[in-house]
Amino acid sequence: MNQFKRLAGAALMAALFATAAVAQSPPINGEVKKIDDSAGKITLKHGPAKSLGMDEGMTMAYRVKDPAMLKQVKVGDKVQFEAESGDNGYTVTKIQKSK
């Protein structure tokens, strides 16, 4: 039982460190190319996105975590965003206009 507690504790610590590493990824710089409110998607042209395993820039459509994010930006805006990879593709979790 004691060894189980150590393993469980180690697994918890590893998960916390992995979460912290993802949360500290720098935002991705991009430009809004298209907004599709009905599908809950945004098309972004962006540079490398190391946090998503993308070493080169590209233009692609992303789902958005919260459809209200689509109201914060418009086509042509320069933005910084964060995204995550999941079973259903890539999802923007945070977006804001660049300063």
Protein backbone atom coordinates (compact mmCIF):
# COMPACT_ATOMS: atom_id res chain seq x y z
CA MET A 1 0.00 0.00 0.00
CA ASN A 2 2.83 2.37 0.83
CA GLN A 3 4.41 1.81 -2.59
CA PHE A 4 1.01 2.52 -4.21
CA LYS A 5 0.86 5.88 -2.41
CA ARG A 6 4.35 6.76 -3.67
CA LEU A 7 3.43 5.84 -7.24
CA ALA A 8 0.17 7.77 -7.06
CA GLY A 9 2.01 10.78 -5.63
CA ALA A 10 4.64 10.62 -8.37
CA ALA A 11 1.94 10.39 -11.05
CA LEU A 12 0.14 13.40 -9.57
CA MET A 13 3.36 15.44 -9.51
CA ALA A 14 4.13 14.52 -13.12
CA ALA A 15 0.64 15.60 -14.18
CA LEU A 16 0.99 18.91 -12.36
CA PHE A 17 4.37 19.63 -13.95
CA ALA A 18 3.01 18.77 -17.41
CA THR A 19 0.03 21.09 -16.88
CA ALA A 20 2.33 23.89 -15.72
CA ALA A 21 4.55 23.43 -18.77
CA VAL A 22 1.58 23.71 -21.14
CA ALA A 23 0.21 26.73 -19.29
CA GLN A 24 3.55 28.51 -19.64
CA SER A 25 3.77 28.09 -23.42
CA PRO A 26 4.13 31.45 -25.13
CA PRO A 27 1.12 32.69 -27.08
CA ILE A 28 1.08 32.18 -30.84
CA ASN A 29 1.10 35.28 -33.06
CA GLY A 30 -1.37 35.31 -35.91
CA GLU A 31 -3.89 37.14 -38.05
CA VAL A 32 -7.63 36.47 -38.29
CA LYS A 33 -8.52 35.39 -41.83
CA LYS A 34 -12.10 34.14 -41.36
CA ILE A 35 -14.71 33.82 -38.63
CA ASP A 36 -17.47 31.20 -38.87
CA ASP A 37 -19.89 31.92 -36.03
CA SER A 38 -22.31 29.13 -36.95
CA ALA A 39 -19.57 26.46 -36.85
CA GLY A 40 -17.74 27.98 -33.86
CA LYS A 41 -14.50 28.22 -35.86
CA ILE A 42 -11.87 30.79 -36.65
CA THR A 43 -9.28 30.65 -39.43
CA LEU A 44 -5.90 31.98 -38.38
CA LYS A 45 -2.70 32.60 -40.34
CA HIS A 46 0.11 32.13 -37.86
CA GLY A 47 3.78 31.56 -37.41
CA PRO A 48 5.35 28.49 -35.81
CA ALA A 49 3.28 27.05 -32.97
CA LYS A 50 5.80 25.04 -30.95
CA SER A 51 3.23 24.28 -28.24
CA LEU A 52 1.19 22.41 -30.90
CA GLY A 53 4.18 20.73 -32.53
CA MET A 54 4.07 23.01 -35.59
CA ASP A 55 7.55 24.10 -36.63
CA GLU A 56 6.37 26.22 -39.56
CA GLY A 57 3.69 28.83 -40.00
CA MET A 58 0.40 28.04 -41.74
CA THR A 59 -3.19 29.07 -42.18
CA MET A 60 -5.79 26.79 -40.66
CA ALA A 61 -9.25 26.70 -39.11
CA TYR A 62 -9.54 26.11 -35.37
CA ARG A 63 -12.50 25.34 -33.17
CA VAL A 64 -12.98 27.79 -30.30
CA LYS A 65 -13.46 26.72 -26.70
CA ASP A 66 -15.99 29.49 -26.12
CA PRO A 67 -17.98 30.93 -29.07
CA ALA A 68 -18.00 34.32 -27.31
CA MET A 69 -14.30 34.61 -28.23
CA LEU A 70 -15.34 35.11 -31.86
CA LYS A 71 -16.98 38.42 -30.90
CA GLN A 72 -13.68 39.79 -29.54
CA VAL A 73 -11.93 39.90 -32.92
CA LYS A 74 -12.64 40.61 -36.57
CA VAL A 75 -11.09 39.59 -39.89
CA GLY A 76 -7.75 41.34 -40.35
CA ASP A 77 -6.97 41.69 -36.63
CA LYS A 78 -3.49 40.76 -35.47
CA VAL A 79 -3.88 38.45 -32.49
CA GLN A 80 -2.09 36.35 -29.93
CA PHE A 81 -3.73 33.06 -29.09
CA GLU A 82 -3.30 29.83 -27.20
CA ALA A 83 -4.58 26.49 -28.44
CA GLU A 84 -4.58 22.86 -27.47
CA SER A 85 -4.66 19.63 -29.40
CA GLY A 86 -7.40 17.10 -28.73
CA ASP A 87 -9.24 14.16 -30.25
CA ASN A 88 -11.30 16.50 -32.43
CA GLY A 89 -8.38 18.60 -33.68
CA TYR A 90 -7.07 21.91 -32.45
CA THR A 91 -9.05 24.28 -30.24
CA VAL A 92 -8.31 27.93 -29.45
CA THR A 93 -8.53 28.32 -25.68
CA LYS A 94 -7.63 32.02 -25.47
CA ILE A 95 -7.37 34.85 -27.97
CA GLN A 96 -6.73 38.58 -27.75
CA LYS A 97 -5.83 41.39 -30.11
CA SER A 98 -2.10 42.12 -30.31
CA LYS A 99 -0.92 45.37 -28.81
